[in-house]
Protein backbone atom coordinates (compact mmCIF):
# COMPACT_ATOMS: atom_id res chain seq x y z
CA MET A 1 -20.76 54.80 33.15
CA PRO A 2 -21.24 51.16 34.02
CA THR A 3 -22.86 50.59 37.95
CA LEU A 4 -21.01 48.02 40.20
CA HIS A 5 -24.45 47.07 42.80
CA CYS A 6 -22.70 46.09 45.96
CA LYS A 7 -24.20 43.08 48.59
CA PRO A 8 -25.86 43.81 50.78
CA CYS A 9 -26.39 47.87 50.32
CA LEU A 10 -27.08 47.24 46.76
CA ALA A 11 -26.36 50.77 46.08
CA ALA A 12 -25.07 52.00 43.20
CA GLY A 13 -21.97 54.35 42.62
CA LEU A 14 -20.27 52.91 45.88
CA PHE A 15 -17.07 53.16 43.82
CA ALA A 16 -15.25 57.18 42.03
CA LEU A 17 -13.87 57.00 39.50
CA ALA A 18 -10.51 58.07 39.05
CA ILE A 19 -8.26 57.20 35.92
CA PHE A 20 -5.09 54.59 37.03
CA VAL A 21 -2.20 54.49 35.02
CA LEU A 22 -1.47 50.95 34.38
CA VAL A 23 2.13 51.01 35.76
CA THR A 24 2.80 52.36 38.54
CA PRO A 25 5.02 55.73 39.43
CA LEU A 26 7.14 55.44 41.88
CA SER A 27 8.77 57.95 43.95
CA LEU A 28 9.25 59.13 47.06
CA PRO A 29 7.35 61.62 49.23
CA ALA A 30 8.44 65.46 48.43
CA ALA A 31 10.38 65.76 51.53
CA ALA A 32 12.24 62.52 50.83
CA GLN A 33 12.45 63.14 47.42
CA ASN A 34 15.11 66.64 48.57
CA SER A 35 17.21 64.55 50.78
CA PRO A 36 20.56 63.86 50.04
CA ALA A 37 20.71 60.64 51.87
CA ALA A 38 17.95 59.20 49.28
CA ALA A 39 19.86 60.05 46.57
CA GLY A 40 22.83 58.41 48.05
CA THR A 41 21.15 55.59 48.86
CA ALA A 42 19.47 54.98 45.11
CA SER A 43 23.15 55.26 43.67
CA ALA A 44 23.99 52.71 46.56
CA GLN A 45 21.63 50.47 45.59
CA SER A 46 22.44 46.82 42.69
CA GLN A 47 20.26 46.54 39.64
CA ASP A 48 18.62 43.54 40.86
CA GLN A 49 16.63 45.00 43.50
CA SER A 50 13.17 44.88 43.92
CA ILE A 51 11.29 47.99 43.01
CA GLU A 52 9.45 48.03 45.45
CA THR A 53 12.41 49.26 47.67
CA LEU A 54 13.58 51.50 44.78
CA LYS A 55 14.34 55.28 46.23
CA VAL A 56 14.66 57.55 43.34
CA ASN A 57 12.05 59.73 42.00
CA VAL A 58 11.47 58.63 38.19
CA GLU A 59 8.81 57.13 35.91
CA VAL A 60 8.89 53.33 36.43
CA VAL A 61 7.05 50.87 34.02
CA GLN A 62 6.93 47.49 35.77
CA LEU A 63 6.37 44.49 33.41
CA PHE A 64 4.93 41.11 35.09
CA PHE A 65 5.24 38.01 32.86
CA ASN A 66 6.04 34.44 32.43
CA VAL A 67 8.56 32.22 30.54
CA LYS A 68 7.51 28.92 28.78
CA ASP A 69 9.20 26.64 26.61
CA LYS A 70 8.19 25.05 23.71
CA HIS A 71 5.97 22.61 25.27
CA GLY A 72 4.50 25.39 27.69
CA ALA A 73 6.59 24.19 30.46
CA LEU A 74 7.40 27.78 32.32
CA ILE A 75 11.10 28.57 32.47
CA PRO A 76 12.73 29.13 36.17
CA ASN A 77 15.70 31.38 36.90
CA LEU A 78 16.19 33.25 33.68
CA ASN A 79 18.25 36.71 34.92
CA LYS A 80 17.79 40.11 32.64
CA ASP A 81 20.83 39.54 30.64
CA ASN A 82 17.95 37.02 28.74
CA PHE A 83 16.08 39.35 27.04
CA ASP A 84 15.71 42.57 25.24
CA LEU A 85 13.05 44.69 25.80
CA PHE A 86 11.83 47.63 23.33
CA GLU A 87 8.94 50.08 23.52
CA ASP A 88 7.20 51.77 20.90
CA GLY A 89 10.20 49.45 18.96
CA LYS A 90 12.88 51.40 20.98
CA PRO A 91 15.11 49.75 22.94
CA GLN A 92 14.79 50.08 26.58
CA THR A 93 17.61 49.31 29.65
CA ILE A 94 16.09 46.48 31.69
CA LYS A 95 17.10 48.19 35.02
CA TYR A 96 15.51 46.17 37.50
CA PHE A 97 15.19 42.55 37.35
CA LYS A 98 13.31 39.79 39.35
CA ALA A 99 11.31 36.35 39.88
CA GLU A 100 8.41 38.46 42.07
CA SER A 101 7.11 34.88 43.15
CA ASP A 102 6.13 35.69 46.36
CA LEU A 103 5.27 39.88 45.79
CA PRO A 104 1.96 40.06 47.58
CA LEU A 105 -1.13 39.08 44.53
CA THR A 106 -4.32 40.85 44.17
CA LEU A 107 -7.24 38.96 42.82
CA GLY A 108 -10.78 39.52 41.59
CA MET A 109 -12.72 36.39 40.45
CA LEU A 110 -15.96 37.47 38.53
CA ILE A 111 -18.61 34.49 37.89
CA ASP A 112 -20.69 34.46 35.38
CA SER A 113 -24.11 34.16 36.63
CA SER A 114 -26.76 34.25 33.45
CA GLY A 115 -28.74 31.63 32.53
CA SER A 116 -26.25 29.65 30.41
CA GLN A 117 -24.19 28.92 33.08
CA THR A 118 -27.39 27.04 34.85
CA ARG A 119 -25.72 23.29 34.94
CA VAL A 120 -22.21 24.53 35.80
CA LEU A 121 -22.38 27.83 38.34
CA ASP A 122 -22.32 24.85 41.53
CA MET A 123 -19.06 23.10 39.78
CA GLU A 124 -17.32 26.50 39.37
CA LYS A 125 -18.47 27.74 43.15
CA GLU A 126 -16.71 24.71 44.87
CA VAL A 127 -13.51 24.74 42.30
CA GLY A 128 -13.18 28.66 42.37
CA GLY A 129 -13.51 28.66 46.09
CA SER A 130 -10.53 25.80 46.79
CA PHE A 131 -8.48 27.79 44.49
CA LEU A 132 -8.63 31.07 46.88
CA GLU A 133 -8.28 28.43 49.99
CA SER A 134 -4.94 27.15 48.25
CA THR A 135 -3.59 30.24 46.60
CA LEU A 136 -4.43 33.30 48.87
CA ARG A 137 -1.58 33.63 51.31
CA PRO A 138 -1.20 36.48 54.24
CA LYS A 139 -0.32 39.41 52.57
CA ASP A 140 -2.76 38.69 49.52
CA GLU A 141 -6.35 40.35 48.77
CA ALA A 142 -9.21 39.19 46.90
CA PHE A 143 -12.96 39.67 45.65
CA VAL A 144 -15.62 38.74 43.95
CA ILE A 145 -17.96 39.71 41.17
CA SER A 146 -20.56 38.07 39.83
CA PHE A 147 -22.14 39.31 36.61
CA ASP A 148 -25.54 38.50 34.62
CA VAL A 149 -27.97 40.66 33.77
CA ASP A 150 -26.81 43.02 36.35
CA ILE A 151 -23.40 43.14 38.21
CA THR A 152 -22.99 42.99 41.71
CA LEU A 153 -19.78 42.87 44.65
CA LEU A 154 -20.84 40.19 46.73
CA GLN A 155 -17.63 40.68 48.54
CA ASP A 156 -14.85 43.31 48.79
CA PHE A 157 -11.15 42.97 49.01
CA THR A 158 -10.45 40.65 52.02
CA ASN A 159 -7.70 37.99 53.02
CA SER A 160 -10.88 35.79 54.57
CA VAL A 161 -11.30 32.57 52.37
CA SER A 162 -14.74 31.88 54.05
CA ARG A 163 -15.60 35.08 53.37
CA LEU A 164 -15.06 34.87 49.54
CA ARG A 165 -16.80 31.49 50.14
CA HIS A 166 -19.41 32.95 51.29
CA ALA A 167 -19.66 35.40 48.02
CA LEU A 168 -19.21 32.80 45.77
CA ASN A 169 -22.07 30.65 47.32
CA GLU A 170 -24.21 34.30 47.26
CA ALA A 171 -23.95 33.98 43.42
CA LYS A 172 -27.38 33.18 41.90
CA ILE A 173 -28.64 32.43 38.43
CA ASN A 174 -30.41 35.66 37.65
CA THR A 175 -32.30 36.00 33.61
CA GLY A 176 -34.33 38.71 34.77
CA GLY A 177 -32.70 42.42 36.82
CA VAL A 178 -33.38 45.17 36.58
CA GLY A 179 -35.49 47.04 33.81
CA CYS A 180 -34.15 49.49 31.32
CA SER A 181 -34.71 52.80 33.55
CA GLY A 182 -32.78 50.91 36.31
CA GLY A 183 -29.49 49.72 35.00
CA PRO A 184 -25.97 50.41 34.42
CA ILE A 185 -25.31 53.96 33.02
CA GLY A 186 -22.34 54.04 30.14
CA PRO A 187 -20.68 57.03 28.77
CA GLN A 188 -23.49 57.11 26.03
CA GLY A 189 -26.36 56.89 28.67
CA PRO A 190 -28.30 53.78 29.98
CA ILE A 191 -27.72 50.44 29.07
CA PRO A 192 -30.01 48.97 26.48
CA CYS A 193 -32.60 46.63 27.20
CA SER A 194 -34.02 44.28 24.64
CA ALA A 195 -37.93 45.02 24.19
CA SER A 196 -39.04 42.60 27.05
CA GLY A 197 -37.33 44.92 28.87
CA GLN A 198 -34.20 42.17 30.41
CA ARG A 199 -30.58 42.37 28.96
CA GLY A 200 -28.33 39.51 28.05
CA THR A 201 -25.18 38.68 30.08
CA ALA A 202 -23.27 41.99 30.76
CA LEU A 203 -19.19 40.72 30.73
CA TYR A 204 -17.58 43.59 28.89
CA ASP A 205 -19.49 45.93 31.67
CA ALA A 206 -18.17 44.40 34.14
CA VAL A 207 -14.77 44.03 32.94
CA TYR A 208 -15.01 47.40 32.67
CA LEU A 209 -16.20 47.90 36.51
CA ALA A 210 -13.31 45.44 37.60
CA SER A 211 -10.92 47.00 36.83
CA HIS A 212 -11.89 50.89 37.11
CA ASP A 213 -13.63 50.85 40.10
CA GLU A 214 -11.56 47.69 41.59
CA PHE A 215 -8.21 47.32 40.12
CA ALA A 216 -7.66 50.62 39.50
CA HIS A 217 -7.03 51.65 43.25
CA GLU A 218 -4.45 49.38 44.31
CA VAL A 219 -0.82 48.62 43.15
CA GLY A 220 1.57 45.71 42.56
CA ARG A 221 0.81 42.32 40.57
CA LYS A 222 -3.54 41.91 39.87
CA ALA A 223 -5.01 39.36 37.86
CA MET A 224 -8.37 38.94 37.28
CA ILE A 225 -9.97 35.59 36.90
CA LEU A 226 -13.01 35.35 34.56
CA LEU A 227 -15.21 31.90 35.02
CA THR A 228 -17.73 32.25 31.74
CA ASP A 229 -18.49 30.91 28.55
CA GLY A 230 -17.12 33.79 27.12
CA GLU A 231 -20.64 35.55 25.48
CA ASP A 232 -21.43 38.97 25.91
CA GLU A 233 -24.98 40.31 25.90
CA GLY A 234 -25.99 43.91 26.50
CA SER A 235 -22.68 45.50 27.35
CA ARG A 236 -22.91 49.20 26.78
CA LEU A 237 -19.31 49.46 26.18
CA LYS A 238 -17.53 47.69 24.27
CA ILE A 239 -15.05 44.54 24.19
CA LYS A 240 -11.98 47.44 23.31
CA ASP A 241 -13.49 49.62 26.22
CA ALA A 242 -13.28 46.72 28.52
CA ILE A 243 -9.71 46.02 27.33
CA GLU A 244 -8.21 49.73 27.85
CA ALA A 245 -9.85 49.51 31.91
CA ALA A 246 -8.33 46.32 32.64
CA GLN A 247 -4.60 47.34 30.62
CA LYS A 248 -5.04 51.22 32.61
CA ALA A 249 -5.59 49.57 35.68
CA ASP A 250 -2.78 46.63 34.72
CA ALA A 251 -4.81 43.69 35.72
CA ILE A 252 -3.58 40.58 33.76
CA CYS A 253 -6.90 38.81 32.59
CA TYR A 254 -7.57 35.12 32.91
CA VAL A 255 -10.85 34.02 31.39
CA LEU A 256 -11.43 30.16 32.00
CA LEU A 257 -14.10 29.36 29.07
CA ILE A 258 -16.55 26.99 30.36
CA ALA A 259 -19.60 26.00 28.33
CA ASP A 260 -23.02 23.93 29.06
CA ARG A 261 -22.33 23.30 24.63
CA GLY A 262 -26.22 22.12 25.09
CA PHE A 263 -27.67 24.69 26.11
CA TYR A 264 -26.53 26.56 22.56
CA GLY A 265 -28.09 24.21 20.75
CA MET A 266 -27.20 23.70 17.11
CA GLY A 267 -26.06 26.96 16.99
CA GLY A 268 -23.16 26.88 19.39
CA TYR A 269 -21.19 30.06 20.69
CA HIS A 270 -18.95 32.40 19.72
CA GLY A 271 -17.16 33.84 22.82
CA ASP A 272 -14.19 32.64 22.42
CA ALA A 273 -12.46 35.48 19.71
CA GLU A 274 -13.10 38.50 21.96
CA MET A 275 -11.99 36.54 25.31
CA LYS A 276 -8.22 35.80 23.79
CA LYS A 277 -7.65 39.67 22.95
CA LEU A 278 -8.86 40.12 26.12
CA THR A 279 -6.33 37.50 27.05
CA GLN A 280 -4.20 38.44 24.80
CA GLU A 281 -3.70 41.51 25.51
CA THR A 282 -3.05 41.88 29.35
CA GLY A 283 -0.53 39.31 29.23
CA GLY A 284 -3.32 36.52 30.22
CA ARG A 285 -4.73 33.36 28.57
CA VAL A 286 -7.84 31.68 27.61
CA ILE A 287 -8.18 28.11 29.59
CA GLU A 288 -10.99 25.95 27.43
CA VAL A 289 -12.86 23.74 30.40
CA GLY A 290 -15.93 22.57 29.15
CA ASN A 291 -18.40 21.20 31.95
CA LYS A 292 -15.56 19.54 33.16
CA ILE A 293 -14.23 19.84 36.86
CA GLU A 294 -11.58 17.80 36.58
CA LYS A 295 -10.56 20.78 33.91
CA LEU A 296 -11.38 23.73 35.74
CA ARG A 297 -9.48 22.02 38.83
CA GLU A 298 -6.58 22.02 36.34
CA ALA A 299 -7.28 25.22 34.80
CA PHE A 300 -7.20 26.99 38.53
CA ASP A 301 -3.82 24.71 39.15
CA GLN A 302 -1.94 26.12 35.75
CA ILE A 303 -3.13 29.98 37.05
CA SER A 304 -1.56 29.45 40.13
CA HIS A 305 1.52 28.36 38.89
CA GLU A 306 1.83 30.95 36.42
CA LEU A 307 0.85 33.49 38.96
CA ARG A 308 4.10 32.21 41.86
CA SER A 309 6.36 31.83 39.02
CA GLN A 310 6.20 35.61 37.37
CA TYR A 311 9.05 37.54 36.64
CA ASN A 312 9.35 41.21 37.11
CA ALA A 313 11.36 43.59 34.90
CA GLY A 314 11.46 47.15 35.76
CA TYR A 315 12.69 50.17 33.15
CA VAL A 316 13.05 53.61 33.08
CA PRO A 317 10.80 55.39 29.57
CA THR A 318 13.42 56.32 27.17
CA ASN A 319 9.75 58.55 25.80
CA ALA A 320 9.41 60.46 29.26
CA VAL A 321 6.52 62.32 27.75
CA ARG A 322 3.24 61.50 29.59
CA ASP A 323 0.60 62.01 26.92
CA GLY A 324 -1.77 59.22 27.46
CA SER A 325 -0.72 57.67 24.36
CA PHE A 326 -0.35 54.18 24.38
CA ARG A 327 2.76 52.62 24.49
CA LYS A 328 3.37 49.02 23.03
CA VAL A 329 6.04 47.00 25.16
CA GLU A 330 7.84 43.97 24.19
CA ILE A 331 10.00 41.71 25.87
CA LYS A 332 11.75 39.13 23.89
CA PRO A 333 13.55 36.46 24.50
CA LYS A 334 17.23 36.23 23.92
CA GLN A 335 16.79 32.16 23.22
CA SER A 336 14.10 32.09 20.29
CA ASP A 337 12.46 29.01 21.35
CA TYR A 338 11.30 30.58 24.46
CA LYS A 339 7.50 32.12 24.39
CA ILE A 340 6.94 35.32 26.71
CA GLN A 341 3.37 35.95 28.08
CA ALA A 342 3.11 39.33 28.63
CA ARG A 343 0.41 42.45 28.38
CA SER A 344 1.20 44.07 24.83
CA GLY A 345 1.91 47.50 26.63
CA TYR A 346 0.48 50.48 28.63
CA TYR A 347 -0.72 54.25 28.61
CA ALA A 348 1.30 57.02 29.31
CA THR A 349 -1.25 59.03 31.57
CA PRO A 350 0.15 61.89 33.25
CA ARG A 351 0.59 61.21 37.07
CA HIS A 352 -1.79 63.22 39.59
CA GLU A 353 0.86 64.95 42.32
CA ASP A 354 -0.84 64.90 45.51
């Protein structure tokens, strides 16, 4: 699999590989599961309570989502009676529902440091740092990864904005990087190199690694923000692999499509289609920024508002089989002109007992 390099150690393979279910199983420890007091507590709790206080040994699917009107404005103050929920086309009962604007948030910022970003990288660092400063709250945490011909963890999870800003400032344009023998390792072997011994922009590999090595070990609300032109050149993995990893890690993906169009000349760039696939499947969206700092600030403001205006619905699937298959989830508003922004489903991966 691709390898995430870590500064300052630059050692490959720092993170243990693990498969993580897209949804978080919620249960008590074994002793508490058998306790009559636990059962009594669960039966007394209202349906509108937070999933985090659930005290019953069941598999619960969490769905974080936004609701917008036809103009794109966020709709607040809705309840579970405003929605119908389906898994693989079969109706599900919404047992837990709450607006979770204050639930702790885990963020990952992935910044493209390939040659095409030369004239916009400083802008990304400045505005990205301001976003983290204004968005992170005491219980939140974030990490920073840069990707080009290499993928580098510049800062692991922290709540320190100063450390995160420093990490962003460490991102440097890199068009050289590792050679053919020292690159990340994918399912089929080393990531391929060009004849010159260099690769391009390992975007899909970066999304996979952020999901698999970072987000997969976290619980709660998770969002990945990519600052990139969306062009991938040289990833060993495909966009479908990146999407699957993000879904299994329950990470919402936002892409700020930042492109210095002058870099591409007459040929243009074509990364937006794949980025739309990534964001639509994970419950985020693509925001076109170009190379304008004002648009970048507006985009970050929109993301911050959306992350603080999410609903959280929980249900126990009628299909209790944990066979690893992908289950399509649809939450539909009863008012037809509302638009739902949510992930497309989850992988019913078996829970690993301790």
